[in-house]
Amino acid sequence: MDDIDRNIIALLVEDARRSYGDIGSHVSLSAPSVKRRVDALRRSGAIEGFTAVLDHSAMGDATEALVELFYAPGTLLDEVAERLASHPQVVEAWSVTGDADAVARVRTHGNLELERLIMELQRDGSVVRTRTVVVLSRLVSRRN
């Protein structure tokens, strides 16, 4: 990967719908040359895909929260991943170091739905307790 590839990636992160011609005008390459480089970046895994950036509050998901999950001893990560994936409100989840066993980033229509989700996560008994932090505002957001 060279500086031109890095510039192409930066331009795509800014706007993934840019044309190859537009990108080429910024990096002094022809559109076909840009396409070849983008294809190579995709094959190498440097670019995993392209996506739309959504305003979730405009779509009705007004509450975003981080839910720390504390599991019963012996709970397997595969089980944790499967249970969390079964809830569409869970948009990301990580196993973590520290007190909690996992952290889930969730989006719900409001606090009532968040409360119901937390109760649902605790229902099967593998979650011993939770600690939730509600996001008030986004201070920094990077798309890459």
N, C-alpha and C. Protein backbone atom coordinates (compact mmCIF):
# COMPACT_ATOMS: atom_id res chain seq x y z
N MET A 1 0.85 -1.17 0.00
CA MET A 1 0.00 0.00 0.00
C MET A 1 0.89 1.23 0.00
N ASP A 2 0.62 2.14 -0.93
CA ASP A 2 1.42 3.36 -1.02
C ASP A 2 0.56 4.57 -0.67
N ASP A 3 1.14 5.75 -0.81
CA ASP A 3 0.43 6.99 -0.47
C ASP A 3 -0.80 7.19 -1.34
N ILE A 4 -0.74 6.79 -2.60
CA ILE A 4 -1.91 6.94 -3.48
C ILE A 4 -3.05 6.07 -2.95
N ASP A 5 -2.75 4.82 -2.58
CA ASP A 5 -3.78 3.94 -2.02
C ASP A 5 -4.37 4.56 -0.75
N ARG A 6 -3.52 5.12 0.10
CA ARG A 6 -4.02 5.74 1.33
C ARG A 6 -4.93 6.93 1.01
N ASN A 7 -4.58 7.71 0.01
CA ASN A 7 -5.42 8.84 -0.39
C ASN A 7 -6.75 8.35 -0.98
N ILE A 8 -6.70 7.29 -1.76
CA ILE A 8 -7.93 6.72 -2.31
C ILE A 8 -8.84 6.26 -1.18
N ILE A 9 -8.27 5.58 -0.20
CA ILE A 9 -9.06 5.11 0.95
C ILE A 9 -9.65 6.29 1.70
N ALA A 10 -8.87 7.33 1.93
CA ALA A 10 -9.38 8.51 2.65
C ALA A 10 -10.54 9.14 1.89
N LEU A 11 -10.45 9.22 0.58
CA LEU A 11 -11.53 9.78 -0.22
C LEU A 11 -12.78 8.90 -0.15
N LEU A 12 -12.59 7.59 -0.17
CA LEU A 12 -13.74 6.69 -0.07
C LEU A 12 -14.37 6.71 1.32
N VAL A 13 -13.57 6.87 2.35
CA VAL A 13 -14.12 6.98 3.70
C VAL A 13 -14.97 8.25 3.80
N GLU A 14 -14.49 9.31 3.19
CA GLU A 14 -15.24 10.58 3.19
C GLU A 14 -16.56 10.43 2.46
N ASP A 15 -16.54 9.73 1.31
CA ASP A 15 -17.75 9.52 0.53
C ASP A 15 -17.55 8.30 -0.36
N ALA A 16 -18.11 7.17 0.04
CA ALA A 16 -17.92 5.91 -0.68
C ALA A 16 -18.62 5.90 -2.03
N ARG A 17 -19.45 6.90 -2.31
CA ARG A 17 -20.15 6.95 -3.59
C ARG A 17 -19.40 7.78 -4.63
N ARG A 18 -18.22 8.23 -4.29
CA ARG A 18 -17.41 8.98 -5.27
C ARG A 18 -17.18 8.13 -6.51
N SER A 19 -17.16 8.76 -7.64
CA SER A 19 -16.84 8.02 -8.87
C SER A 19 -15.33 7.81 -8.95
N TYR A 20 -14.94 6.82 -9.75
CA TYR A 20 -13.52 6.59 -9.95
C TYR A 20 -12.88 7.80 -10.62
N GLY A 21 -13.62 8.47 -11.49
CA GLY A 21 -13.11 9.67 -12.15
C GLY A 21 -12.83 10.78 -11.16
N ASP A 22 -13.77 10.97 -10.21
CA ASP A 22 -13.59 12.01 -9.19
C ASP A 22 -12.37 11.69 -8.32
N ILE A 23 -12.26 10.44 -7.90
CA ILE A 23 -11.10 10.05 -7.10
C ILE A 23 -9.83 10.27 -7.90
N GLY A 24 -9.86 9.86 -9.16
CA GLY A 24 -8.69 10.02 -10.03
C GLY A 24 -8.24 11.46 -10.14
N SER A 25 -9.19 12.39 -10.18
CA SER A 25 -8.82 13.81 -10.28
C SER A 25 -8.10 14.30 -9.02
N HIS A 26 -8.36 13.65 -7.89
CA HIS A 26 -7.70 14.02 -6.64
C HIS A 26 -6.32 13.38 -6.49
N VAL A 27 -6.12 12.23 -7.14
CA VAL A 27 -4.86 11.50 -6.95
C VAL A 27 -4.04 11.42 -8.24
N SER A 28 -4.48 12.15 -9.26
CA SER A 28 -3.77 12.21 -10.54
C SER A 28 -3.64 10.85 -11.24
N LEU A 29 -4.76 10.12 -11.26
CA LEU A 29 -4.82 8.85 -11.98
C LEU A 29 -6.08 8.82 -12.84
N SER A 30 -6.08 7.97 -13.83
CA SER A 30 -7.28 7.77 -14.64
C SER A 30 -8.30 6.95 -13.85
N ALA A 31 -9.56 7.03 -14.27
CA ALA A 31 -10.61 6.26 -13.61
C ALA A 31 -10.31 4.76 -13.65
N PRO A 32 -9.87 4.19 -14.80
CA PRO A 32 -9.55 2.75 -14.80
C PRO A 32 -8.41 2.39 -13.83
N SER A 33 -7.42 3.27 -13.69
CA SER A 33 -6.33 3.01 -12.74
C SER A 33 -6.84 3.01 -11.31
N VAL A 34 -7.75 3.94 -11.00
CA VAL A 34 -8.34 3.98 -9.66
C VAL A 34 -9.13 2.70 -9.41
N LYS A 35 -9.91 2.28 -10.40
CA LYS A 35 -10.70 1.05 -10.24
C LYS A 35 -9.79 -0.14 -9.97
N ARG A 36 -8.71 -0.27 -10.69
CA ARG A 36 -7.78 -1.38 -10.46
C ARG A 36 -7.23 -1.33 -9.04
N ARG A 37 -6.89 -0.14 -8.57
CA ARG A 37 -6.36 -0.02 -7.20
C ARG A 37 -7.43 -0.35 -6.17
N VAL A 38 -8.65 0.12 -6.38
CA VAL A 38 -9.73 -0.19 -5.43
C VAL A 38 -9.99 -1.70 -5.44
N ASP A 39 -10.01 -2.32 -6.60
CA ASP A 39 -10.20 -3.77 -6.67
C ASP A 39 -9.09 -4.50 -5.92
N ALA A 40 -7.85 -4.04 -6.07
CA ALA A 40 -6.71 -4.66 -5.38
C ALA A 40 -6.84 -4.46 -3.86
N LEU A 41 -7.29 -3.28 -3.44
CA LEU A 41 -7.47 -3.02 -2.01
C LEU A 41 -8.57 -3.91 -1.43
N ARG A 42 -9.60 -4.17 -2.22
CA ARG A 42 -10.67 -5.08 -1.76
C ARG A 42 -10.15 -6.50 -1.66
N ARG A 43 -9.40 -6.95 -2.67
CA ARG A 43 -8.86 -8.32 -2.66
C ARG A 43 -7.90 -8.53 -1.48
N SER A 44 -7.14 -7.50 -1.15
CA SER A 44 -6.17 -7.62 -0.05
C SER A 44 -6.85 -7.56 1.32
N GLY A 45 -8.10 -7.11 1.36
CA GLY A 45 -8.81 -6.98 2.63
C GLY A 45 -8.67 -5.62 3.27
N ALA A 46 -7.89 -4.72 2.65
CA ALA A 46 -7.75 -3.37 3.20
C ALA A 46 -9.10 -2.65 3.18
N ILE A 47 -9.88 -2.88 2.13
CA ILE A 47 -11.26 -2.38 2.06
C ILE A 47 -12.16 -3.59 2.19
N GLU A 48 -12.94 -3.63 3.25
CA GLU A 48 -13.82 -4.78 3.48
C GLU A 48 -15.15 -4.64 2.76
N GLY A 49 -15.57 -3.42 2.50
CA GLY A 49 -16.85 -3.21 1.84
C GLY A 49 -17.23 -1.75 1.86
N PHE A 50 -18.41 -1.47 1.39
CA PHE A 50 -18.93 -0.11 1.33
C PHE A 50 -20.28 -0.12 2.02
N THR A 51 -20.60 0.98 2.69
CA THR A 51 -21.84 1.01 3.45
C THR A 51 -22.44 2.41 3.47
N ALA A 52 -23.69 2.48 3.81
CA ALA A 52 -24.37 3.76 3.99
C ALA A 52 -24.22 4.18 5.45
N VAL A 53 -24.04 5.45 5.70
CA VAL A 53 -23.98 5.98 7.06
C VAL A 53 -25.37 6.51 7.39
N LEU A 54 -25.94 6.00 8.46
CA LEU A 54 -27.32 6.31 8.80
C LEU A 54 -27.42 7.23 10.01
N ASP A 55 -28.48 8.01 10.04
CA ASP A 55 -28.82 8.79 11.23
C ASP A 55 -29.89 7.98 11.96
N HIS A 56 -29.48 7.23 12.95
CA HIS A 56 -30.40 6.31 13.61
C HIS A 56 -31.51 7.01 14.37
N SER A 57 -31.24 8.19 14.90
CA SER A 57 -32.31 8.90 15.60
C SER A 57 -33.40 9.32 14.61
N ALA A 58 -33.01 9.67 13.39
CA ALA A 58 -34.00 10.01 12.37
C ALA A 58 -34.82 8.80 11.96
N MET A 59 -34.28 7.61 12.19
CA MET A 59 -34.97 6.37 11.85
C MET A 59 -35.77 5.81 13.02
N GLY A 60 -35.80 6.54 14.13
CA GLY A 60 -36.61 6.12 15.27
C GLY A 60 -35.86 5.50 16.42
N ASP A 61 -34.57 5.27 16.27
CA ASP A 61 -33.78 4.72 17.38
C ASP A 61 -33.17 5.88 18.16
N ALA A 62 -33.91 6.38 19.13
CA ALA A 62 -33.52 7.58 19.85
C ALA A 62 -32.53 7.32 20.98
N THR A 63 -32.46 6.08 21.46
CA THR A 63 -31.60 5.77 22.59
C THR A 63 -30.47 4.85 22.16
N GLU A 64 -29.25 5.25 22.50
CA GLU A 64 -28.08 4.41 22.28
C GLU A 64 -27.42 4.21 23.64
N ALA A 65 -26.97 3.00 23.90
CA ALA A 65 -26.38 2.71 25.21
C ALA A 65 -25.28 1.66 25.07
N LEU A 66 -24.41 1.66 26.06
CA LEU A 66 -23.41 0.61 26.22
C LEU A 66 -23.82 -0.20 27.43
N VAL A 67 -24.00 -1.49 27.23
CA VAL A 67 -24.45 -2.37 28.30
C VAL A 67 -23.29 -3.30 28.65
N GLU A 68 -22.79 -3.16 29.87
CA GLU A 68 -21.77 -4.08 30.36
C GLU A 68 -22.48 -5.30 30.90
N LEU A 69 -22.00 -6.47 30.49
CA LEU A 69 -22.63 -7.73 30.87
C LEU A 69 -21.67 -8.55 31.73
N PHE A 70 -22.18 -9.03 32.84
CA PHE A 70 -21.41 -9.84 33.77
C PHE A 70 -22.04 -11.23 33.77
N TYR A 71 -21.33 -12.22 33.26
CA TYR A 71 -21.87 -13.56 33.08
C TYR A 71 -21.52 -14.49 34.22
N ALA A 72 -22.34 -15.51 34.38
CA ALA A 72 -22.08 -16.56 35.36
C ALA A 72 -20.81 -17.30 34.96
N PRO A 73 -20.05 -17.77 35.93
CA PRO A 73 -18.84 -18.53 35.62
C PRO A 73 -19.17 -19.72 34.72
N GLY A 74 -18.29 -19.97 33.75
CA GLY A 74 -18.48 -21.09 32.85
C GLY A 74 -19.25 -20.78 31.59
N THR A 75 -19.77 -19.55 31.47
CA THR A 75 -20.48 -19.17 30.26
C THR A 75 -19.47 -19.00 29.13
N LEU A 76 -19.71 -19.66 28.02
CA LEU A 76 -18.78 -19.65 26.89
C LEU A 76 -19.03 -18.45 25.98
N LEU A 77 -17.95 -17.92 25.40
CA LEU A 77 -18.07 -16.76 24.51
C LEU A 77 -18.97 -17.05 23.31
N ASP A 78 -18.94 -18.28 22.81
CA ASP A 78 -19.82 -18.63 21.68
C ASP A 78 -21.28 -18.47 22.08
N GLU A 79 -21.61 -18.87 23.30
CA GLU A 79 -22.98 -18.72 23.80
C GLU A 79 -23.34 -17.24 23.94
N VAL A 80 -22.39 -16.46 24.47
CA VAL A 80 -22.61 -15.02 24.63
C VAL A 80 -22.88 -14.39 23.27
N ALA A 81 -22.04 -14.69 22.28
CA ALA A 81 -22.20 -14.12 20.94
C ALA A 81 -23.54 -14.52 20.34
N GLU A 82 -23.92 -15.77 20.49
CA GLU A 82 -25.20 -16.24 19.93
C GLU A 82 -26.38 -15.54 20.56
N ARG A 83 -26.36 -15.41 21.90
CA ARG A 83 -27.47 -14.76 22.59
C ARG A 83 -27.58 -13.28 22.22
N LEU A 84 -26.43 -12.60 22.17
CA LEU A 84 -26.46 -11.18 21.83
C LEU A 84 -26.90 -10.98 20.39
N ALA A 85 -26.44 -11.83 19.48
CA ALA A 85 -26.81 -11.70 18.07
C ALA A 85 -28.30 -11.91 17.84
N SER A 86 -28.96 -12.60 18.75
CA SER A 86 -30.40 -12.85 18.58
C SER A 86 -31.25 -11.62 18.86
N HIS A 87 -30.65 -10.55 19.36
CA HIS A 87 -31.38 -9.32 19.66
C HIS A 87 -31.00 -8.26 18.62
N PRO A 88 -31.91 -7.87 17.75
CA PRO A 88 -31.56 -6.90 16.70
C PRO A 88 -31.14 -5.54 17.24
N GLN A 89 -31.47 -5.23 18.47
CA GLN A 89 -31.07 -3.94 19.06
C GLN A 89 -29.57 -3.91 19.36
N VAL A 90 -28.94 -5.07 19.47
CA VAL A 90 -27.50 -5.15 19.72
C VAL A 90 -26.80 -4.96 18.37
N VAL A 91 -26.10 -3.82 18.24
CA VAL A 91 -25.46 -3.51 16.95
C VAL A 91 -23.98 -3.89 16.94
N GLU A 92 -23.37 -4.00 18.10
CA GLU A 92 -21.99 -4.45 18.24
C GLU A 92 -21.83 -5.02 19.63
N ALA A 93 -20.91 -5.94 19.77
CA ALA A 93 -20.60 -6.47 21.10
C ALA A 93 -19.16 -6.95 21.10
N TRP A 94 -18.52 -6.80 22.25
CA TRP A 94 -17.12 -7.15 22.39
C TRP A 94 -16.90 -7.93 23.68
N SER A 95 -15.97 -8.87 23.67
CA SER A 95 -15.46 -9.41 24.93
C SER A 95 -14.39 -8.42 25.37
N VAL A 96 -14.30 -8.18 26.67
CA VAL A 96 -13.43 -7.11 27.16
C VAL A 96 -12.65 -7.57 28.39
N THR A 97 -11.61 -6.81 28.70
CA THR A 97 -10.91 -7.00 29.96
C THR A 97 -11.57 -6.12 31.01
N GLY A 98 -11.25 -6.33 32.26
CA GLY A 98 -11.83 -5.51 33.32
C GLY A 98 -12.92 -6.27 34.05
N ASP A 99 -13.79 -5.55 34.71
CA ASP A 99 -14.83 -6.18 35.52
C ASP A 99 -15.86 -6.93 34.69
N ALA A 100 -16.33 -6.30 33.62
CA ALA A 100 -17.37 -6.91 32.80
C ALA A 100 -16.77 -8.00 31.92
N ASP A 101 -17.60 -8.93 31.50
CA ASP A 101 -17.18 -9.99 30.58
C ASP A 101 -17.37 -9.57 29.13
N ALA A 102 -18.39 -8.74 28.89
CA ALA A 102 -18.69 -8.28 27.54
C ALA A 102 -19.35 -6.91 27.61
N VAL A 103 -19.26 -6.18 26.52
CA VAL A 103 -19.95 -4.90 26.39
C VAL A 103 -20.72 -4.94 25.08
N ALA A 104 -21.99 -4.54 25.15
CA ALA A 104 -22.83 -4.49 23.95
C ALA A 104 -23.23 -3.04 23.69
N ARG A 105 -23.11 -2.63 22.44
CA ARG A 105 -23.64 -1.33 22.03
C ARG A 105 -25.02 -1.60 21.46
N VAL A 106 -26.01 -0.92 22.01
CA VAL A 106 -27.39 -1.18 21.61
C VAL A 106 -28.07 0.12 21.18
N ARG A 107 -29.04 -0.04 20.30
CA ARG A 107 -29.89 1.08 19.89
C ARG A 107 -31.34 0.65 20.06
N THR A 108 -32.11 1.51 20.73
CA THR A 108 -33.54 1.23 20.94
C THR A 108 -34.34 2.48 20.64
N HIS A 109 -35.66 2.30 20.52
CA HIS A 109 -36.54 3.43 20.24
C HIS A 109 -36.61 4.38 21.42
N GLY A 110 -36.36 3.88 22.62
CA GLY A 110 -36.42 4.72 23.81
C GLY A 110 -36.00 3.95 25.03
N ASN A 111 -36.13 4.60 26.18
CA ASN A 111 -35.69 3.99 27.43
C ASN A 111 -36.52 2.77 27.81
N LEU A 112 -37.81 2.78 27.49
CA LEU A 112 -38.66 1.63 27.82
C LEU A 112 -38.18 0.38 27.07
N GLU A 113 -37.87 0.53 25.79
CA GLU A 113 -37.37 -0.61 25.02
C GLU A 113 -35.99 -1.03 25.53
N LEU A 114 -35.17 -0.08 25.94
CA LEU A 114 -33.86 -0.41 26.52
C LEU A 114 -34.03 -1.23 27.78
N GLU A 115 -34.94 -0.82 28.63
CA GLU A 115 -35.20 -1.55 29.87
C GLU A 115 -35.67 -2.97 29.58
N ARG A 116 -36.56 -3.12 28.60
CA ARG A 116 -37.05 -4.45 28.22
C ARG A 116 -35.92 -5.32 27.67
N LEU A 117 -35.04 -4.72 26.88
CA LEU A 117 -33.91 -5.47 26.33
C LEU A 117 -33.00 -5.96 27.45
N ILE A 118 -32.70 -5.10 28.40
CA ILE A 118 -31.84 -5.50 29.52
C ILE A 118 -32.48 -6.64 30.30
N MET A 119 -33.77 -6.55 30.55
CA MET A 119 -34.47 -7.63 31.26
C MET A 119 -34.44 -8.92 30.45
N GLU A 120 -34.57 -8.81 29.13
CA GLU A 120 -34.52 -9.99 28.27
C GLU A 120 -33.13 -10.63 28.30
N LEU A 121 -32.10 -9.80 28.29
CA LEU A 121 -30.73 -10.32 28.35
C LEU A 121 -30.48 -11.07 29.66
N GLN A 122 -31.13 -10.65 30.74
CA GLN A 122 -30.94 -11.27 32.05
C GLN A 122 -31.84 -12.48 32.27
N ARG A 123 -32.79 -12.69 31.38
CA ARG A 123 -33.84 -13.69 31.61
C ARG A 123 -33.34 -15.12 31.78
N ASP A 124 -32.37 -15.56 30.99
CA ASP A 124 -31.98 -16.98 31.03
C ASP A 124 -31.06 -17.33 32.20
N GLY A 125 -30.63 -16.34 32.97
CA GLY A 125 -29.82 -16.59 34.15
C GLY A 125 -28.32 -16.60 33.92
N SER A 126 -27.87 -16.58 32.66
CA SER A 126 -26.42 -16.58 32.42
C SER A 126 -25.83 -15.19 32.69
N VAL A 127 -26.63 -14.15 32.57
CA VAL A 127 -26.19 -12.79 32.90
C VAL A 127 -26.50 -12.56 34.37
N VAL A 128 -25.44 -12.41 35.15
CA VAL A 128 -25.60 -12.21 36.59
C VAL A 128 -26.06 -10.79 36.89
N ARG A 129 -25.47 -9.83 36.17
CA ARG A 129 -25.87 -8.43 36.33
C ARG A 129 -25.42 -7.63 35.12
N THR A 130 -25.95 -6.43 35.01
CA THR A 130 -25.57 -5.52 33.93
C THR A 130 -25.27 -4.15 34.53
N ARG A 131 -24.55 -3.37 33.76
CA ARG A 131 -24.33 -1.96 34.09
C ARG A 131 -24.47 -1.22 32.77
N THR A 132 -25.33 -0.22 32.72
CA THR A 132 -25.66 0.44 31.47
C THR A 132 -25.30 1.92 31.51
N VAL A 133 -24.72 2.38 30.42
CA VAL A 133 -24.41 3.79 30.24
C VAL A 133 -25.17 4.25 29.01
N VAL A 134 -26.03 5.25 29.17
CA VAL A 134 -26.79 5.79 28.05
C VAL A 134 -25.99 6.91 27.41
N VAL A 135 -25.90 6.87 26.10
CA VAL A 135 -25.17 7.90 25.35
C VAL A 135 -26.03 9.14 25.27
N LEU A 136 -25.49 10.28 25.69
CA LEU A 136 -26.21 11.55 25.61
C LEU A 136 -25.95 12.25 24.29
N SER A 137 -24.69 12.32 23.89
CA SER A 137 -24.35 12.94 22.61
C SER A 137 -23.03 12.37 22.12
N ARG A 138 -22.84 12.41 20.83
CA ARG A 138 -21.61 11.91 20.21
C ARG A 138 -20.62 13.07 20.11
N LEU A 139 -19.46 12.90 20.70
CA LEU A 139 -18.44 13.96 20.68
C LEU A 139 -17.46 13.79 19.52
N VAL A 140 -17.13 12.54 19.20
CA VAL A 140 -16.22 12.24 18.10
C VAL A 140 -16.78 11.04 17.35
N SER A 141 -16.75 11.10 16.05
CA SER A 141 -17.19 9.97 15.25
C SER A 141 -16.27 9.83 14.05
N ARG A 142 -15.61 8.70 13.97
CA ARG A 142 -14.75 8.42 12.82
C ARG A 142 -15.36 7.23 12.07
N ARG A 143 -15.41 7.34 10.79
CA ARG A 143 -16.02 6.28 9.99
C ARG A 143 -15.04 5.20 9.62
N ASN A 144 -13.79 5.35 9.96
CA ASN A 144 -12.82 4.32 9.60
C ASN A 144 -12.23 3.67 10.82
